[in-house]
Amino acid sequence: MIRLLVILLVIVIVVLVLMMIRMRPSPPRSAKKQSPQQESPREILKRRYAAGEIDEDEYLRRMSGLSQDW
């Protein structure tokens, strides 16, 4: 009878430990999918201008738009 109770207790403990492990939040899978800090609109414009995605006129126009208080 005591052996059966010990076996049952071990099974309950194992199940509880497994449940606690599964309920724990998992860490992010890759740093590329989640950036720790988002780029500001100014940083995005600077990067796009440096990469040649937008020309100087577009860069200056959009930067001046960001400088205005709405």
C-alpha atoms as a PDB file:
ATOM      1  CA  MET A   1       0.000   0.000   0.000  1.00  0.00           C
ATOM      2  CA  ILE A   2       2.816   2.414   0.880  1.00  0.00           C
ATOM      3  CA  ARG A   3       4.596   1.607  -2.417  1.00  0.00           C
ATOM      4  CA  LEU A   4       1.475   2.540  -4.339  1.00  0.00           C
ATOM      5  CA  LEU A   5       1.221   5.879  -2.516  1.00  0.00           C
ATOM      6  CA  VAL A   6       4.899   6.662  -3.168  1.00  0.00           C
ATOM      7  CA  ILE A   7       4.511   5.833  -6.878  1.00  0.00           C
ATOM      8  CA  LEU A   8       1.371   7.972  -7.061  1.00  0.00           C
ATOM      9  CA  LEU A   9       3.162  10.851  -5.310  1.00  0.00           C
ATOM     10  CA  VAL A  10       6.091  10.636  -7.740  1.00  0.00           C
ATOM     11  CA  ILE A  11       3.700  10.684 -10.711  1.00  0.00           C
ATOM     12  CA  VAL A  12       1.899  13.745  -9.324  1.00  0.00           C
ATOM     13  CA  ILE A  13       5.203  15.569  -8.766  1.00  0.00           C
ATOM     14  CA  VAL A  14       6.412  14.769 -12.293  1.00  0.00           C
ATOM     15  CA  VAL A  15       3.137  15.994 -13.798  1.00  0.00           C
ATOM     16  CA  LEU A  16       3.302  19.232 -11.794  1.00  0.00           C
ATOM     17  CA  VAL A  17       6.897  19.892 -12.839  1.00  0.00           C
ATOM     18  CA  LEU A  18       6.034  19.286 -16.503  1.00  0.00           C
ATOM     19  CA  MET A  19       3.057  21.637 -16.264  1.00  0.00           C
ATOM     20  CA  MET A  20       5.205  24.373 -14.736  1.00  0.00           C
ATOM     21  CA  ILE A  21       7.806  23.998 -17.491  1.00  0.00           C
ATOM     22  CA  ARG A  22       5.176  24.268 -20.236  1.00  0.00           C
ATOM     23  CA  MET A  23       3.522  27.327 -18.653  1.00  0.00           C
ATOM     24  CA  ARG A  24       6.811  29.247 -18.533  1.00  0.00           C
ATOM     25  CA  PRO A  25       7.127  31.872 -21.308  1.00  0.00           C
ATOM     26  CA  SER A  26       9.540  30.851 -24.037  1.00  0.00           C
ATOM     27  CA  PRO A  27      12.436  33.121 -25.069  1.00  0.00           C
ATOM     28  CA  PRO A  28      12.382  34.780 -28.508  1.00  0.00           C
ATOM     29  CA  ARG A  29      13.466  32.416 -31.276  1.00  0.00           C
ATOM     30  CA  SER A  30      15.612  34.898 -33.163  1.00  0.00           C
ATOM     31  CA  ALA A  31      16.797  38.437 -32.724  1.00  0.00           C
ATOM     32  CA  LYS A  32      15.972  39.251 -36.357  1.00  0.00           C
ATOM     33  CA  LYS A  33      12.233  38.749 -35.914  1.00  0.00           C
ATOM     34  CA  GLN A  34      11.977  40.975 -32.862  1.00  0.00           C
ATOM     35  CA  SER A  35      14.005  44.139 -32.615  1.00  0.00           C
ATOM     36  CA  PRO A  36      14.721  45.294 -29.073  1.00  0.00           C
ATOM     37  CA  GLN A  37      14.225  48.936 -30.015  1.00  0.00           C
ATOM     38  CA  GLN A  38      12.185  50.304 -32.878  1.00  0.00           C
ATOM     39  CA  GLU A  39      13.773  52.867 -35.166  1.00  0.00           C
ATOM     40  CA  SER A  40      12.514  56.403 -34.931  1.00  0.00           C
ATOM     41  CA  PRO A  41      11.062  57.947 -38.109  1.00  0.00           C
ATOM     42  CA  ARG A  42      14.154  60.163 -38.414  1.00  0.00           C
ATOM     43  CA  GLU A  43      16.470  57.148 -38.211  1.00  0.00           C
ATOM     44  CA  ILE A  44      14.428  55.352 -40.871  1.00  0.00           C
ATOM     45  CA  LEU A  45      14.678  58.363 -43.178  1.00  0.00           C
ATOM     46  CA  LYS A  46      18.428  58.632 -42.629  1.00  0.00           C
ATOM     47  CA  ARG A  47      18.882  54.939 -43.377  1.00  0.00           C
ATOM     48  CA  ARG A  48      16.710  55.088 -46.519  1.00  0.00           C
ATOM     49  CA  TYR A  49      18.568  58.176 -47.780  1.00  0.00           C
ATOM     50  CA  ALA A  50      21.942  56.564 -47.117  1.00  0.00           C
ATOM     51  CA  ALA A  51      20.838  53.415 -48.947  1.00  0.00           C
ATOM     52  CA  GLY A  52      19.722  55.456 -51.958  1.00  0.00           C
ATOM     53  CA  GLU A  53      16.054  54.523 -51.623  1.00  0.00           C
ATOM     54  CA  ILE A  54      15.017  58.197 -51.585  1.00  0.00           C
ATOM     55  CA  ASP A  55      16.688  61.257 -53.060  1.00  0.00           C
ATOM     56  CA  GLU A  56      17.776  64.422 -51.245  1.00  0.00           C
ATOM     57  CA  ASP A  57      14.596  66.370 -52.046  1.00  0.00           C
ATOM     58  CA  GLU A  58      12.384  63.598 -50.698  1.00  0.00           C
ATOM     59  CA  TYR A  59      14.600  63.267 -47.612  1.00  0.00           C
ATOM     60  CA  LEU A  60      14.456  67.004 -46.847  1.00  0.00           C
ATOM     61  CA  ARG A  61      10.718  67.211 -47.510  1.00  0.00           C
ATOM     62  CA  ARG A  62       9.938  64.341 -45.176  1.00  0.00           C
ATOM     63  CA  MET A  63      12.342  65.568 -42.490  1.00  0.00           C
ATOM     64  CA  SER A  64      10.698  68.979 -42.516  1.00  0.00           C
ATOM     65  CA  GLY A  65       7.321  67.259 -42.174  1.00  0.00           C
ATOM     66  CA  LEU A  66       8.591  65.415 -39.099  1.00  0.00           C
ATOM     67  CA  SER A  67       9.859  68.675 -37.593  1.00  0.00           C
ATOM     68  CA  GLN A  68       6.418  70.318 -37.675  1.00  0.00           C
ATOM     69  CA  ASP A  69       4.214  70.147 -34.610  1.00  0.00           C
ATOM     70  CA  TRP A  70       0.734  69.053 -35.544  1.00  0.00           C
END
